[in-house]
PDB file of N, CA and C in Angstrom:
ATOM      1  N   UNK A   1     -42.050 -31.392  48.709  1.00  0.00           N
ATOM      2  CA  UNK A   1     -42.921 -31.906  47.675  1.00  0.00           C
ATOM      3  C   UNK A   1     -42.630 -31.222  46.348  1.00  0.00           C
ATOM      4  N   UNK A   2     -42.339 -29.934  46.377  1.00  0.00           N
ATOM      5  CA  UNK A   2     -42.068 -29.211  45.146  1.00  0.00           C
ATOM      6  C   UNK A   2     -40.802 -29.703  44.473  1.00  0.00           C
ATOM      7  N   UNK A   3     -39.799 -30.084  45.250  1.00  0.00           N
ATOM      8  CA  UNK A   3     -38.556 -30.585  44.683  1.00  0.00           C
ATOM      9  C   UNK A   3     -38.802 -31.886  43.929  1.00  0.00           C
ATOM     10  N   UNK A   4     -39.564 -32.778  44.502  1.00  0.00           N
ATOM     11  CA  UNK A   4     -39.873 -34.040  43.836  1.00  0.00           C
ATOM     12  C   UNK A   4     -40.665 -33.760  42.563  1.00  0.00           C
ATOM     13  N   UNK A   5     -41.574 -32.824  42.626  1.00  0.00           N
ATOM     14  CA  UNK A   5     -42.385 -32.479  41.472  1.00  0.00           C
ATOM     15  C   UNK A   5     -41.511 -31.898  40.356  1.00  0.00           C
ATOM     16  N   UNK A   6     -40.541 -31.069  40.706  1.00  0.00           N
ATOM     17  CA  UNK A   6     -39.649 -30.492  39.709  1.00  0.00           C
ATOM     18  C   UNK A   6     -38.744 -31.541  39.079  1.00  0.00           C
ATOM     19  N   UNK A   7     -38.283 -32.503  39.862  1.00  0.00           N
ATOM     20  CA  UNK A   7     -37.385 -33.528  39.337  1.00  0.00           C
ATOM     21  C   UNK A   7     -38.089 -34.473  38.370  1.00  0.00           C
ATOM     22  N   UNK A   8     -39.393 -34.565  38.448  1.00  0.00           N
ATOM     23  CA  UNK A   8     -40.111 -35.471  37.565  1.00  0.00           C
ATOM     24  C   UNK A   8     -40.213 -34.929  36.144  1.00  0.00           C
ATOM     25  N   UNK A   9     -39.904 -33.663  35.926  1.00  0.00           N
ATOM     26  CA  UNK A   9     -40.026 -33.060  34.616  1.00  0.00           C
ATOM     27  C   UNK A   9     -38.683 -32.870  33.912  1.00  0.00           C
ATOM     28  N   UNK A  10     -37.669 -33.668  34.278  1.00  0.00           N
ATOM     29  CA  UNK A  10     -36.383 -33.568  33.599  1.00  0.00           C
ATOM     30  C   UNK A  10     -36.492 -34.170  32.210  1.00  0.00           C
ATOM     31  N   UNK A  11     -36.079 -33.412  31.222  1.00  0.00           N
ATOM     32  CA  UNK A  11     -36.116 -33.891  29.844  1.00  0.00           C
ATOM     33  C   UNK A  11     -34.722 -34.255  29.368  1.00  0.00           C
ATOM     34  N   UNK A  12     -34.592 -34.476  28.090  1.00  0.00           N
ATOM     35  CA  UNK A  12     -33.320 -34.876  27.509  1.00  0.00           C
ATOM     36  C   UNK A  12     -32.249 -33.810  27.637  1.00  0.00           C
ATOM     37  N   UNK A  13     -32.595 -32.548  27.363  1.00  0.00           N
ATOM     38  CA  UNK A  13     -31.615 -31.472  27.444  1.00  0.00           C
ATOM     39  C   UNK A  13     -31.127 -31.257  28.865  1.00  0.00           C
ATOM     40  N   UNK A  14     -32.032 -31.343  29.819  1.00  0.00           N
ATOM     41  CA  UNK A  14     -31.644 -31.159  31.217  1.00  0.00           C
ATOM     42  C   UNK A  14     -30.698 -32.260  31.668  1.00  0.00           C
ATOM     43  N   UNK A  15     -30.983 -33.489  31.255  1.00  0.00           N
ATOM     44  CA  UNK A  15     -30.113 -34.605  31.629  1.00  0.00           C
ATOM     45  C   UNK A  15     -28.721 -34.458  31.019  1.00  0.00           C
ATOM     46  N   UNK A  16     -28.647 -33.986  29.793  1.00  0.00           N
ATOM     47  CA  UNK A  16     -27.346 -33.768  29.159  1.00  0.00           C
ATOM     48  C   UNK A  16     -26.563 -32.704  29.911  1.00  0.00           C
ATOM     49  N   UNK A  17     -27.228 -31.618  30.284  1.00  0.00           N
ATOM     50  CA  UNK A  17     -26.559 -30.551  31.045  1.00  0.00           C
ATOM     51  C   UNK A  17     -26.067 -31.096  32.376  1.00  0.00           C
ATOM     52  N   UNK A  18     -26.882 -31.901  33.072  1.00  0.00           N
ATOM     53  CA  UNK A  18     -26.461 -32.480  34.344  1.00  0.00           C
ATOM     54  C   UNK A  18     -25.269 -33.410  34.170  1.00  0.00           C
ATOM     55  N   UNK A  19     -25.279 -34.225  33.129  1.00  0.00           N
ATOM     56  CA  UNK A  19     -24.150 -35.131  32.882  1.00  0.00           C
ATOM     57  C   UNK A  19     -22.868 -34.366  32.595  1.00  0.00           C
ATOM     58  N   UNK A  20     -22.964 -33.282  31.838  1.00  0.00           N
ATOM     59  CA  UNK A  20     -21.783 -32.456  31.550  1.00  0.00           C
ATOM     60  C   UNK A  20     -21.264 -31.823  32.832  1.00  0.00           C
ATOM     61  N   UNK A  21     -22.169 -31.332  33.685  1.00  0.00           N
ATOM     62  CA  UNK A  21     -21.744 -30.739  34.955  1.00  0.00           C
ATOM     63  C   UNK A  21     -21.050 -31.766  35.851  1.00  0.00           C
ATOM     64  N   UNK A  22     -21.600 -32.968  35.918  1.00  0.00           N
ATOM     65  CA  UNK A  22     -20.981 -34.027  36.726  1.00  0.00           C
ATOM     66  C   UNK A  22     -19.603 -34.358  36.178  1.00  0.00           C
ATOM     67  N   UNK A  23     -19.488 -34.438  34.866  1.00  0.00           N
ATOM     68  CA  UNK A  23     -18.196 -34.739  34.247  1.00  0.00           C
ATOM     69  C   UNK A  23     -17.180 -33.649  34.554  1.00  0.00           C
ATOM     70  N   UNK A  24     -17.612 -32.388  34.509  1.00  0.00           N
ATOM     71  CA  UNK A  24     -16.702 -31.287  34.814  1.00  0.00           C
ATOM     72  C   UNK A  24     -16.306 -31.259  36.290  1.00  0.00           C
ATOM     73  N   UNK A  25     -17.253 -31.557  37.178  1.00  0.00           N
ATOM     74  CA  UNK A  25     -16.971 -31.485  38.607  1.00  0.00           C
ATOM     75  C   UNK A  25     -16.081 -32.641  39.078  1.00  0.00           C
ATOM     76  N   UNK A  26     -16.366 -33.840  38.612  1.00  0.00           N
ATOM     77  CA  UNK A  26     -15.661 -35.006  39.131  1.00  0.00           C
ATOM     78  C   UNK A  26     -14.541 -35.490  38.225  1.00  0.00           C
ATOM     79  N   UNK A  27     -14.565 -35.161  36.987  1.00  0.00           N
ATOM     80  CA  UNK A  27     -13.541 -35.626  36.060  1.00  0.00           C
ATOM     81  C   UNK A  27     -13.831 -37.042  35.595  1.00  0.00           C
ATOM     82  N   UNK A  28     -13.214 -37.416  34.501  1.00  0.00           N
ATOM     83  CA  UNK A  28     -13.463 -38.721  33.900  1.00  0.00           C
ATOM     84  C   UNK A  28     -12.981 -39.887  34.732  1.00  0.00           C
ATOM     85  N   UNK A  29     -11.947 -39.695  35.549  1.00  0.00           N
ATOM     86  CA  UNK A  29     -11.385 -40.807  36.320  1.00  0.00           C
ATOM     87  C   UNK A  29     -12.161 -41.080  37.606  1.00  0.00           C
ATOM     88  N   UNK A  30     -12.835 -40.095  38.132  1.00  0.00           N
ATOM     89  CA  UNK A  30     -13.573 -40.266  39.389  1.00  0.00           C
ATOM     90  C   UNK A  30     -14.962 -40.844  39.190  1.00  0.00           C
ATOM     91  N   UNK A  31     -15.532 -40.691  38.015  1.00  0.00           N
ATOM     92  CA  UNK A  31     -16.905 -41.136  37.776  1.00  0.00           C
ATOM     93  C   UNK A  31     -17.058 -42.649  37.948  1.00  0.00           C
ATOM     94  N   UNK A  32     -16.138 -43.490  37.402  1.00  0.00           N
ATOM     95  CA  UNK A  32     -16.296 -44.938  37.641  1.00  0.00           C
ATOM     96  C   UNK A  32     -16.254 -45.301  39.122  1.00  0.00           C
ATOM     97  N   UNK A  33     -15.396 -44.641  39.887  1.00  0.00           N
ATOM     98  CA  UNK A  33     -15.330 -44.890  41.334  1.00  0.00           C
ATOM     99  C   UNK A  33     -16.638 -44.480  42.001  1.00  0.00           C
ATOM    100  N   UNK A  34     -17.180 -43.357  41.571  1.00  0.00           N
ATOM    101  CA  UNK A  34     -18.442 -42.860  42.112  1.00  0.00           C
ATOM    102  C   UNK A  34     -19.571 -43.840  41.816  1.00  0.00           C
ATOM    103  N   UNK A  35     -19.633 -44.348  40.596  1.00  0.00           N
ATOM    104  CA  UNK A  35     -20.681 -45.299  40.207  1.00  0.00           C
ATOM    105  C   UNK A  35     -20.507 -46.636  40.925  1.00  0.00           C
ATOM    106  N   UNK A  36     -19.261 -47.061  41.116  1.00  0.00           N
ATOM    107  CA  UNK A  36     -19.003 -48.302  41.846  1.00  0.00           C
ATOM    108  C   UNK A  36     -19.503 -48.197  43.284  1.00  0.00           C
ATOM    109  N   UNK A  37     -19.222 -47.072  43.915  1.00  0.00           N
ATOM    110  CA  UNK A  37     -19.710 -46.843  45.277  1.00  0.00           C
ATOM    111  C   UNK A  37     -21.226 -46.788  45.334  1.00  0.00           C
ATOM    112  N   UNK A  38     -21.829 -46.165  44.334  1.00  0.00           N
ATOM    113  CA  UNK A  38     -23.284 -46.103  44.269  1.00  0.00           C
ATOM    114  C   UNK A  38     -23.863 -47.508  44.090  1.00  0.00           C
ATOM    115  N   UNK A  39     -23.228 -48.317  43.254  1.00  0.00           N
ATOM    116  CA  UNK A  39     -23.679 -49.696  43.044  1.00  0.00           C
ATOM    117  C   UNK A  39     -23.588 -50.526  44.313  1.00  0.00           C
ATOM    118  N   UNK A  40     -22.502 -50.351  45.054  1.00  0.00           N
ATOM    119  CA  UNK A  40     -22.352 -51.068  46.333  1.00  0.00           C
ATOM    120  C   UNK A  40     -23.444 -50.658  47.312  1.00  0.00           C
ATOM    121  N   UNK A  41     -23.724 -49.374  47.355  1.00  0.00           N
ATOM    122  CA  UNK A  41     -24.758 -48.885  48.260  1.00  0.00           C
ATOM    123  C   UNK A  41     -26.130 -49.445  47.907  1.00  0.00           C
ATOM    124  N   UNK A  42     -26.443 -49.484  46.623  1.00  0.00           N
ATOM    125  CA  UNK A  42     -27.730 -50.029  46.186  1.00  0.00           C
ATOM    126  C   UNK A  42     -27.796 -51.516  46.503  1.00  0.00           C
ATOM    127  N   UNK A  43     -26.692 -52.237  46.264  1.00  0.00           N
ATOM    128  CA  UNK A  43     -26.660 -53.671  46.549  1.00  0.00           C
ATOM    129  C   UNK A  43     -26.843 -53.943  48.040  1.00  0.00           C
ATOM    130  N   UNK A  44     -26.192 -53.162  48.896  1.00  0.00           N
ATOM    131  CA  UNK A  44     -26.346 -53.341  50.340  1.00  0.00           C
ATOM    132  C   UNK A  44     -27.780 -53.041  50.774  1.00  0.00           C
ATOM    133  N   UNK A  45     -28.384 -52.021  50.186  1.00  0.00           N
ATOM    134  CA  UNK A  45     -29.774 -51.696  50.499  1.00  0.00           C
ATOM    135  C   UNK A  45     -30.696 -52.841  50.101  1.00  0.00           C
ATOM    136  N   UNK A  46     -30.491 -53.411  48.906  1.00  0.00           N
ATOM    137  CA  UNK A  46     -31.318 -54.527  48.450  1.00  0.00           C
ATOM    138  C   UNK A  46     -31.146 -55.738  49.366  1.00  0.00           C
ATOM    139  N   UNK A  47     -29.899 -56.026  49.768  1.00  0.00           N
ATOM    140  CA  UNK A  47     -29.647 -57.148  50.676  1.00  0.00           C
ATOM    141  C   UNK A  47     -30.360 -56.941  52.012  1.00  0.00           C
ATOM    142  N   UNK A  48     -30.274 -55.729  52.548  1.00  0.00           N
ATOM    143  CA  UNK A  48     -30.934 -55.442  53.824  1.00  0.00           C
ATOM    144  C   UNK A  48     -32.447 -55.567  53.690  1.00  0.00           C
ATOM    145  N   UNK A  49     -32.984 -55.085  52.577  1.00  0.00           N
ATOM    146  CA  UNK A  49     -34.425 -55.182  52.340  1.00  0.00           C
ATOM    147  C   UNK A  49     -34.865 -56.639  52.253  1.00  0.00           C
ATOM    148  N   UNK A  50     -34.082 -57.447  51.538  1.00  0.00           N
ATOM    149  CA  UNK A  50     -34.407 -58.873  51.424  1.00  0.00           C
ATOM    150  C   UNK A  50     -34.311 -59.583  52.772  1.00  0.00           C
ATOM    151  N   UNK A  51     -33.307 -59.235  53.572  1.00  0.00           N
ATOM    152  CA  UNK A  51     -33.159 -59.852  54.896  1.00  0.00           C
ATOM    153  C   UNK A  51     -34.344 -59.520  55.793  1.00  0.00           C
ATOM    154  N   UNK A  52     -34.795 -58.279  55.761  1.00  0.00           N
ATOM    155  CA  UNK A  52     -35.950 -57.884  56.576  1.00  0.00           C
ATOM    156  C   UNK A  52     -37.189 -58.638  56.113  1.00  0.00           C
ATOM    157  N   UNK A  53     -37.373 -58.735  54.802  1.00  0.00           N
ATOM    158  CA  UNK A  53     -38.518 -59.478  54.271  1.00  0.00           C
ATOM    159  C   UNK A  53     -38.483 -60.935  54.675  1.00  0.00           C
ATOM    160  N   UNK A  54     -37.299 -61.549  54.633  1.00  0.00           N
ATOM    161  CA  UNK A  54     -37.167 -62.951  55.039  1.00  0.00           C
ATOM    162  C   UNK A  54     -37.471 -63.142  56.518  1.00  0.00           C
ATOM    163  N   UNK A  55     -37.008 -62.213  57.340  1.00  0.00           N
ATOM    164  CA  UNK A  55     -37.282 -62.294  58.777  1.00  0.00           C
ATOM    165  C   UNK A  55     -38.781 -62.162  59.059  1.00  0.00           C
ATOM    166  N   UNK A  56     -39.443 -61.293  58.340  1.00  0.00           N
ATOM    167  CA  UNK A  56     -40.892 -61.121  58.534  1.00  0.00           C
ATOM    168  C   UNK A  56     -41.629 -62.389  58.119  1.00  0.00           C
ATOM    169  N   UNK A  57     -41.248 -62.955  56.955  1.00  0.00           N
ATOM    170  CA  UNK A  57     -41.893 -64.189  56.503  1.00  0.00           C
ATOM    171  C   UNK A  57     -41.643 -65.334  57.474  1.00  0.00           C
ATOM    172  N   UNK A  58     -40.405 -65.422  57.985  1.00  0.00           N
ATOM    173  CA  UNK A  58     -40.076 -66.479  58.946  1.00  0.00           C
ATOM    174  C   UNK A  58     -40.891 -66.306  60.217  1.00  0.00           C
ATOM    175  N   UNK A  59     -41.050 -65.066  60.678  1.00  0.00           N
ATOM    176  CA  UNK A  59     -41.839 -64.797  61.885  1.00  0.00           C
ATOM    177  C   UNK A  59     -43.309 -65.114  61.692  1.00  0.00           C
ATOM    178  N   UNK A  60     -43.816 -64.913  60.481  1.00  0.00           N
ATOM    179  CA  UNK A  60     -45.225 -65.218  60.217  1.00  0.00           C
ATOM    180  C   UNK A  60     -45.467 -66.724  60.151  1.00  0.00           C
ATOM    181  N   UNK A  61     -44.460 -67.495  59.789  1.00  0.00           N
ATOM    182  CA  UNK A  61     -44.612 -68.949  59.661  1.00  0.00           C
ATOM    183  C   UNK A  61     -44.415 -69.692  60.976  1.00  0.00           C
ATOM    184  N   UNK A  62     -43.838 -69.028  61.978  1.00  0.00           N
ATOM    185  CA  UNK A  62     -43.608 -69.689  63.263  1.00  0.00           C
ATOM    186  C   UNK A  62     -44.930 -69.899  63.989  1.00  0.00           C
ATOM    187  N   UNK A  63     -44.981 -70.971  64.734  1.00  0.00           N
ATOM    188  CA  UNK A  63     -46.171 -71.263  65.554  1.00  0.00           C
ATOM    189  C   UNK A  63     -46.187 -70.316  66.752  1.00  0.00           C
ATOM    190  N   UNK A  64     -47.347 -69.800  67.116  1.00  0.00           N
ATOM    191  CA  UNK A  64     -47.415 -68.939  68.301  1.00  0.00           C
ATOM    192  C   UNK A  64     -47.144 -69.761  69.569  1.00  0.00           C
ATOM    193  N   UNK A  65     -46.427 -69.156  70.484  1.00  0.00           N
ATOM    194  CA  UNK A  65     -46.101 -69.831  71.728  1.00  0.00           C
ATOM    195  C   UNK A  65     -47.145 -69.499  72.783  1.00  0.00           C
ATOM    196  N   UNK A  66     -47.569 -70.532  73.533  1.00  0.00           N
ATOM    197  CA  UNK A  66     -48.500 -70.308  74.633  1.00  0.00           C
ATOM    198  C   UNK A  66     -47.709 -69.923  75.872  1.00  0.00           C
ATOM    199  N   UNK A  67     -48.069 -68.827  76.488  1.00  0.00           N
ATOM    200  CA  UNK A  67     -47.378 -68.340  77.686  1.00  0.00           C
ATOM    201  C   UNK A  67     -48.211 -68.627  78.925  1.00  0.00           C
ATOM    202  N   UNK A  68     -48.742 -69.840  79.026  1.00  0.00           N
ATOM    203  CA  UNK A  68     -49.543 -70.209  80.213  1.00  0.00           C
ATOM    204  C   UNK A  68     -48.610 -70.643  81.317  1.00  0.00           C
ATOM    205  N   UNK A  69     -48.879 -70.130  82.479  1.00  0.00           N
ATOM    206  CA  UNK A  69     -48.032 -70.482  83.630  1.00  0.00           C
ATOM    207  C   UNK A  69     -48.772 -71.343  84.591  1.00  0.00           C
TER     208      UNK A  69
END
């Protein structure tokens, strides 16, 4: 909980320092690849979330089956 609380107070200077550190660690050529991979991951997560939502809605719209024997 404390980590989440600390991350919520990032200001402009902290973000600049983090961006400089990322640039130094990964270099200018690796950052686009890193962002592309992050974008793919977010897109796959959104697709999975939408699929689950669609399945739930479809299940709610189906008629209940009577299991009388």
